[in-house]
Amino acid sequence: MDPKSSAFVIGIVGAAVTLSAYSQTLVSPTQCIGVGLFVLMFGLLVREAQNYRKTDVRENERKKDT
């Protein structure tokens, strides 16, 4: 699975955890929202890391060409 798809799936999981805060009884709503937001931020990190790697590769290719 490519990083873009991975970030999307992680984001969907984070959104589901966040939205389930008031419909489950295992943990408190505050904890559930906190975990959901943490997972969403992790998905964002995965996506941004992919963009950063692409930028690095392009810059390295430009340096080699010159």
PDB file of N, CA and C in Angstrom:
ATOM      1  N   MET A   1       0.858  -1.180   0.000  1.00  0.00           N
ATOM      2  CA  MET A   1       0.000   0.000   0.000  1.00  0.00           C
ATOM      3  C   MET A   1       0.898   1.235   0.000  1.00  0.00           C
ATOM      4  N   ASP A   2       0.612   2.157  -0.883  1.00  0.00           N
ATOM      5  CA  ASP A   2       1.430   3.364  -0.968  1.00  0.00           C
ATOM      6  C   ASP A   2       1.121   4.306   0.207  1.00  0.00           C
ATOM      7  N   PRO A   3       2.025   5.217   0.530  1.00  0.00           N
ATOM      8  CA  PRO A   3       1.840   6.106   1.681  1.00  0.00           C
ATOM      9  C   PRO A   3       0.586   6.973   1.597  1.00  0.00           C
ATOM     10  N   LYS A   4       0.185   7.339   0.387  1.00  0.00           N
ATOM     11  CA  LYS A   4      -1.019   8.166   0.245  1.00  0.00           C
ATOM     12  C   LYS A   4      -2.257   7.385   0.697  1.00  0.00           C
ATOM     13  N   SER A   5      -2.359   6.139   0.284  1.00  0.00           N
ATOM     14  CA  SER A   5      -3.480   5.295   0.693  1.00  0.00           C
ATOM     15  C   SER A   5      -3.412   4.992   2.186  1.00  0.00           C
ATOM     16  N   SER A   6      -2.204   4.763   2.679  1.00  0.00           N
ATOM     17  CA  SER A   6      -2.041   4.498   4.107  1.00  0.00           C
ATOM     18  C   SER A   6      -2.519   5.686   4.939  1.00  0.00           C
ATOM     19  N   ALA A   7      -2.147   6.883   4.519  1.00  0.00           N
ATOM     20  CA  ALA A   7      -2.577   8.080   5.241  1.00  0.00           C
ATOM     21  C   ALA A   7      -4.085   8.223   5.211  1.00  0.00           C
ATOM     22  N   PHE A   8      -4.702   7.887   4.082  1.00  0.00           N
ATOM     23  CA  PHE A   8      -6.160   7.968   3.970  1.00  0.00           C
ATOM     24  C   PHE A   8      -6.832   6.983   4.925  1.00  0.00           C
ATOM     25  N   VAL A   9      -6.342   5.746   4.958  1.00  0.00           N
ATOM     26  CA  VAL A   9      -6.921   4.728   5.842  1.00  0.00           C
ATOM     27  C   VAL A   9      -6.732   5.125   7.305  1.00  0.00           C
ATOM     28  N   ILE A  10      -5.556   5.629   7.656  1.00  0.00           N
ATOM     29  CA  ILE A  10      -5.304   6.080   9.022  1.00  0.00           C
ATOM     30  C   ILE A  10      -6.254   7.211   9.379  1.00  0.00           C
ATOM     31  N   GLY A  11      -6.478   8.132   8.443  1.00  0.00           N
ATOM     32  CA  GLY A  11      -7.408   9.229   8.677  1.00  0.00           C
ATOM     33  C   GLY A  11      -8.832   8.748   8.891  1.00  0.00           C
ATOM     34  N   ILE A  12      -9.260   7.768   8.108  1.00  0.00           N
ATOM     35  CA  ILE A  12     -10.604   7.208   8.275  1.00  0.00           C
ATOM     36  C   ILE A  12     -10.744   6.550   9.644  1.00  0.00           C
ATOM     37  N   VAL A  13      -9.727   5.816  10.059  1.00  0.00           N
ATOM     38  CA  VAL A  13      -9.760   5.173  11.381  1.00  0.00           C
ATOM     39  C   VAL A  13      -9.823   6.235  12.477  1.00  0.00           C
ATOM     40  N   GLY A  14      -9.003   7.275  12.347  1.00  0.00           N
ATOM     41  CA  GLY A  14      -9.021   8.345  13.350  1.00  0.00           C
ATOM     42  C   GLY A  14     -10.366   9.046  13.421  1.00  0.00           C
ATOM     43  N   ALA A  15     -10.967   9.298  12.271  1.00  0.00           N
ATOM     44  CA  ALA A  15     -12.286   9.932  12.244  1.00  0.00           C
ATOM     45  C   ALA A  15     -13.332   9.023  12.878  1.00  0.00           C
ATOM     46  N   ALA A  16     -13.256   7.728  12.605  1.00  0.00           N
ATOM     47  CA  ALA A  16     -14.208   6.788  13.191  1.00  0.00           C
ATOM     48  C   ALA A  16     -14.068   6.731  14.711  1.00  0.00           C
ATOM     49  N   VAL A  17     -12.828   6.716  15.194  1.00  0.00           N
ATOM     50  CA  VAL A  17     -12.607   6.700  16.649  1.00  0.00           C
ATOM     51  C   VAL A  17     -13.149   7.981  17.277  1.00  0.00           C
ATOM     52  N   THR A  18     -12.886   9.114  16.633  1.00  0.00           N
ATOM     53  CA  THR A  18     -13.354  10.387  17.164  1.00  0.00           C
ATOM     54  C   THR A  18     -14.873  10.449  17.177  1.00  0.00           C
ATOM     55  N   LEU A  19     -15.510  10.015  16.104  1.00  0.00           N
ATOM     56  CA  LEU A  19     -16.972  10.073  16.022  1.00  0.00           C
ATOM     57  C   LEU A  19     -17.656   9.061  16.924  1.00  0.00           C
ATOM     58  N   SER A  20     -16.949   7.999  17.300  1.00  0.00           N
ATOM     59  CA  SER A  20     -17.558   6.990  18.172  1.00  0.00           C
ATOM     60  C   SER A  20     -17.459   7.362  19.649  1.00  0.00           C
ATOM     61  N   ALA A  21     -17.008   8.544  19.950  1.00  0.00           N
ATOM     62  CA  ALA A  21     -16.756   8.943  21.330  1.00  0.00           C
ATOM     63  C   ALA A  21     -17.999   8.822  22.212  1.00  0.00           C
ATOM     64  N   TYR A  22     -19.152   9.141  21.689  1.00  0.00           N
ATOM     65  CA  TYR A  22     -20.351   9.148  22.514  1.00  0.00           C
ATOM     66  C   TYR A  22     -21.209   7.911  22.331  1.00  0.00           C
ATOM     67  N   SER A  23     -20.790   6.985  21.462  1.00  0.00           N
ATOM     68  CA  SER A  23     -21.605   5.795  21.237  1.00  0.00           C
ATOM     69  C   SER A  23     -20.980   4.527  21.822  1.00  0.00           C
ATOM     70  N   GLN A  24     -19.911   4.645  22.559  1.00  0.00           N
ATOM     71  CA  GLN A  24     -19.285   3.478  23.178  1.00  0.00           C
ATOM     72  C   GLN A  24     -19.061   3.760  24.657  1.00  0.00           C
ATOM     73  N   THR A  25     -18.828   2.686  25.425  1.00  0.00           N
ATOM     74  CA  THR A  25     -18.696   2.841  26.881  1.00  0.00           C
ATOM     75  C   THR A  25     -17.371   2.311  27.422  1.00  0.00           C
ATOM     76  N   LEU A  26     -16.439   1.923  26.551  1.00  0.00           N
ATOM     77  CA  LEU A  26     -15.176   1.362  27.035  1.00  0.00           C
ATOM     78  C   LEU A  26     -14.270   2.419  27.656  1.00  0.00           C
ATOM     79  N   VAL A  27     -14.173   3.567  27.041  1.00  0.00           N
ATOM     80  CA  VAL A  27     -13.356   4.660  27.557  1.00  0.00           C
ATOM     81  C   VAL A  27     -14.204   5.926  27.590  1.00  0.00           C
ATOM     82  N   SER A  28     -13.735   6.920  28.298  1.00  0.00           N
ATOM     83  CA  SER A  28     -14.501   8.160  28.404  1.00  0.00           C
ATOM     84  C   SER A  28     -14.500   8.891  27.052  1.00  0.00           C
ATOM     85  N   PRO A  29     -15.521   9.720  26.818  1.00  0.00           N
ATOM     86  CA  PRO A  29     -15.562  10.471  25.560  1.00  0.00           C
ATOM     87  C   PRO A  29     -14.326  11.345  25.342  1.00  0.00           C
ATOM     88  N   THR A  30     -13.814  11.930  26.413  1.00  0.00           N
ATOM     89  CA  THR A  30     -12.627  12.784  26.284  1.00  0.00           C
ATOM     90  C   THR A  30     -11.422  11.978  25.806  1.00  0.00           C
ATOM     91  N   GLN A  31     -11.236  10.794  26.384  1.00  0.00           N
ATOM     92  CA  GLN A  31     -10.125   9.942  25.969  1.00  0.00           C
ATOM     93  C   GLN A  31     -10.299   9.480  24.523  1.00  0.00           C
ATOM     94  N   CYS A  32     -11.521   9.174  24.152  1.00  0.00           N
ATOM     95  CA  CYS A  32     -11.793   8.703  22.803  1.00  0.00           C
ATOM     96  C   CYS A  32     -11.511   9.804  21.783  1.00  0.00           C
ATOM     97  N   ILE A  33     -11.913  11.015  22.079  1.00  0.00           N
ATOM     98  CA  ILE A  33     -11.645  12.140  21.187  1.00  0.00           C
ATOM     99  C   ILE A  33     -10.139  12.392  21.108  1.00  0.00           C
ATOM    100  N   GLY A  34      -9.459  12.313  22.232  1.00  0.00           N
ATOM    101  CA  GLY A  34      -8.009  12.506  22.245  1.00  0.00           C
ATOM    102  C   GLY A  34      -7.283  11.471  21.404  1.00  0.00           C
ATOM    103  N   VAL A  35      -7.661  10.217  21.548  1.00  0.00           N
ATOM    104  CA  VAL A  35      -7.033   9.152  20.751  1.00  0.00           C
ATOM    105  C   VAL A  35      -7.348   9.343  19.274  1.00  0.00           C
ATOM    106  N   GLY A  36      -8.594   9.701  18.963  1.00  0.00           N
ATOM    107  CA  GLY A  36      -8.973   9.924  17.570  1.00  0.00           C
ATOM    108  C   GLY A  36      -8.178  11.046  16.936  1.00  0.00           C
ATOM    109  N   LEU A  37      -8.000  12.133  17.665  1.00  0.00           N
ATOM    110  CA  LEU A  37      -7.219  13.251  17.135  1.00  0.00           C
ATOM    111  C   LEU A  37      -5.742  12.881  16.978  1.00  0.00           C
ATOM    112  N   PHE A  38      -5.237  12.083  17.915  1.00  0.00           N
ATOM    113  CA  PHE A  38      -3.854  11.610  17.810  1.00  0.00           C
ATOM    114  C   PHE A  38      -3.673  10.762  16.553  1.00  0.00           C
ATOM    115  N   VAL A  39      -4.628   9.874  16.276  1.00  0.00           N
ATOM    116  CA  VAL A  39      -4.550   9.029  15.081  1.00  0.00           C
ATOM    117  C   VAL A  39      -4.651   9.886  13.821  1.00  0.00           C
ATOM    118  N   LEU A  40      -5.507  10.896  13.842  1.00  0.00           N
ATOM    119  CA  LEU A  40      -5.604  11.800  12.691  1.00  0.00           C
ATOM    120  C   LEU A  40      -4.285  12.527  12.440  1.00  0.00           C
ATOM    121  N   MET A  41      -3.646  12.973  13.502  1.00  0.00           N
ATOM    122  CA  MET A  41      -2.352  13.646  13.355  1.00  0.00           C
ATOM    123  C   MET A  41      -1.287  12.680  12.820  1.00  0.00           C
ATOM    124  N   PHE A  42      -1.350  11.426  13.246  1.00  0.00           N
ATOM    125  CA  PHE A  42      -0.416  10.431  12.740  1.00  0.00           C
ATOM    126  C   PHE A  42      -0.612  10.233  11.235  1.00  0.00           C
ATOM    127  N   GLY A  43      -1.861  10.183  10.791  1.00  0.00           N
ATOM    128  CA  GLY A  43      -2.138  10.074   9.359  1.00  0.00           C
ATOM    129  C   GLY A  43      -1.591  11.261   8.588  1.00  0.00           C
ATOM    130  N   LEU A  44      -1.720  12.445   9.162  1.00  0.00           N
ATOM    131  CA  LEU A  44      -1.180  13.640   8.520  1.00  0.00           C
ATOM    132  C   LEU A  44       0.342  13.565   8.423  1.00  0.00           C
ATOM    133  N   LEU A  45       0.976  13.062   9.469  1.00  0.00           N
ATOM    134  CA  LEU A  45       2.431  12.898   9.450  1.00  0.00           C
ATOM    135  C   LEU A  45       2.870  11.928   8.357  1.00  0.00           C
ATOM    136  N   VAL A  46       2.141  10.832   8.200  1.00  0.00           N
ATOM    137  CA  VAL A  46       2.478   9.855   7.160  1.00  0.00           C
ATOM    138  C   VAL A  46       2.384  10.514   5.795  1.00  0.00           C
ATOM    139  N   ARG A  47       1.326  11.281   5.581  1.00  0.00           N
ATOM    140  CA  ARG A  47       1.127  11.947   4.286  1.00  0.00           C
ATOM    141  C   ARG A  47       2.213  12.996   4.026  1.00  0.00           C
ATOM    142  N   GLU A  48       2.523  13.794   5.026  1.00  0.00           N
ATOM    143  CA  GLU A  48       3.531  14.833   4.844  1.00  0.00           C
ATOM    144  C   GLU A  48       4.924  14.238   4.665  1.00  0.00           C
ATOM    145  N   ALA A  49       5.199  13.124   5.315  1.00  0.00           N
ATOM    146  CA  ALA A  49       6.498  12.464   5.144  1.00  0.00           C
ATOM    147  C   ALA A  49       6.667  12.009   3.700  1.00  0.00           C
ATOM    148  N   GLN A  50       5.580  11.544   3.090  1.00  0.00           N
ATOM    149  CA  GLN A  50       5.640  11.135   1.692  1.00  0.00           C
ATOM    150  C   GLN A  50       5.962  12.332   0.807  1.00  0.00           C
ATOM    151  N   ASN A  51       5.313  13.462   1.050  1.00  0.00           N
ATOM    152  CA  ASN A  51       5.588  14.670   0.267  1.00  0.00           C
ATOM    153  C   ASN A  51       7.029  15.130   0.462  1.00  0.00           C
ATOM    154  N   TYR A  52       7.537  15.048   1.673  1.00  0.00           N
ATOM    155  CA  TYR A  52       8.901  15.461   1.974  1.00  0.00           C
ATOM    156  C   TYR A  52       9.899  14.587   1.225  1.00  0.00           C
ATOM    157  N   ARG A  53       9.655  13.268   1.206  1.00  0.00           N
ATOM    158  CA  ARG A  53      10.554  12.361   0.501  1.00  0.00           C
ATOM    159  C   ARG A  53      10.569  12.645  -0.992  1.00  0.00           C
ATOM    160  N   LYS A  54       9.408  12.949  -1.577  1.00  0.00           N
ATOM    161  CA  LYS A  54       9.357  13.273  -3.000  1.00  0.00           C
ATOM    162  C   LYS A  54      10.181  14.516  -3.300  1.00  0.00           C
ATOM    163  N   THR A  55      10.082  15.521  -2.429  1.00  0.00           N
ATOM    164  CA  THR A  55      10.831  16.756  -2.610  1.00  0.00           C
ATOM    165  C   THR A  55      12.328  16.480  -2.527  1.00  0.00           C
ATOM    166  N   ASP A  56      12.746  15.662  -1.559  1.00  0.00           N
ATOM    167  CA  ASP A  56      14.167  15.314  -1.429  1.00  0.00           C
ATOM    168  C   ASP A  56      14.684  14.606  -2.670  1.00  0.00           C
ATOM    169  N   VAL A  57      13.908  13.678  -3.198  1.00  0.00           N
ATOM    170  CA  VAL A  57      14.336  12.935  -4.383  1.00  0.00           C
ATOM    171  C   VAL A  57      14.501  13.881  -5.561  1.00  0.00           C
ATOM    172  N   ARG A  58      13.550  14.793  -5.744  1.00  0.00           N
ATOM    173  CA  ARG A  58      13.635  15.746  -6.852  1.00  0.00           C
ATOM    174  C   ARG A  58      14.870  16.645  -6.719  1.00  0.00           C
ATOM    175  N   GLU A  59      15.136  17.119  -5.506  1.00  0.00           N
ATOM    176  CA  GLU A  59      16.300  17.987  -5.300  1.00  0.00           C
ATOM    177  C   GLU A  59      17.600  17.236  -5.545  1.00  0.00           C
ATOM    178  N   ASN A  60      17.660  15.983  -5.110  1.00  0.00           N
ATOM    179  CA  ASN A  60      18.865  15.184  -5.340  1.00  0.00           C
ATOM    180  C   ASN A  60      19.078  14.915  -6.820  1.00  0.00           C
ATOM    181  N   GLU A  61      17.993  14.688  -7.558  1.00  0.00           N
ATOM    182  CA  GLU A  61      18.116  14.464  -9.003  1.00  0.00           C
ATOM    183  C   GLU A  61      18.608  15.728  -9.709  1.00  0.00           C
ATOM    184  N   ARG A  62      18.127  16.889  -9.269  1.00  0.00           N
ATOM    185  CA  ARG A  62      18.577  18.151  -9.861  1.00  0.00           C
ATOM    186  C   ARG A  62      20.066  18.371  -9.609  1.00  0.00           C
ATOM    187  N   LYS A  63      20.523  18.054  -8.406  1.00  0.00           N
ATOM    188  CA  LYS A  63      21.938  18.231  -8.076  1.00  0.00           C
ATOM    189  C   LYS A  63      22.817  17.314  -8.915  1.00  0.00           C
ATOM    190  N   LYS A  64      22.338  16.091  -9.173  1.00  0.00           N
ATOM    191  CA  LYS A  64      23.113  15.149  -9.976  1.00  0.00           C
ATOM    192  C   LYS A  64      23.190  15.599 -11.427  1.00  0.00           C
ATOM    193  N   ASP A  65      22.124  16.222 -11.920  1.00  0.00           N
ATOM    194  CA  ASP A  65      22.083  16.659 -13.319  1.00  0.00           C
ATOM    195  C   ASP A  65      23.007  17.845 -13.587  1.00  0.00           C
ATOM    196  N   THR A  66      23.274  18.645 -12.573  1.00  0.00           N
ATOM    197  CA  THR A  66      24.098  19.843 -12.794  1.00  0.00           C
ATOM    198  C   THR A  66      25.561  19.594 -12.551  1.00  0.00           C
TER     199      THR A  66
END
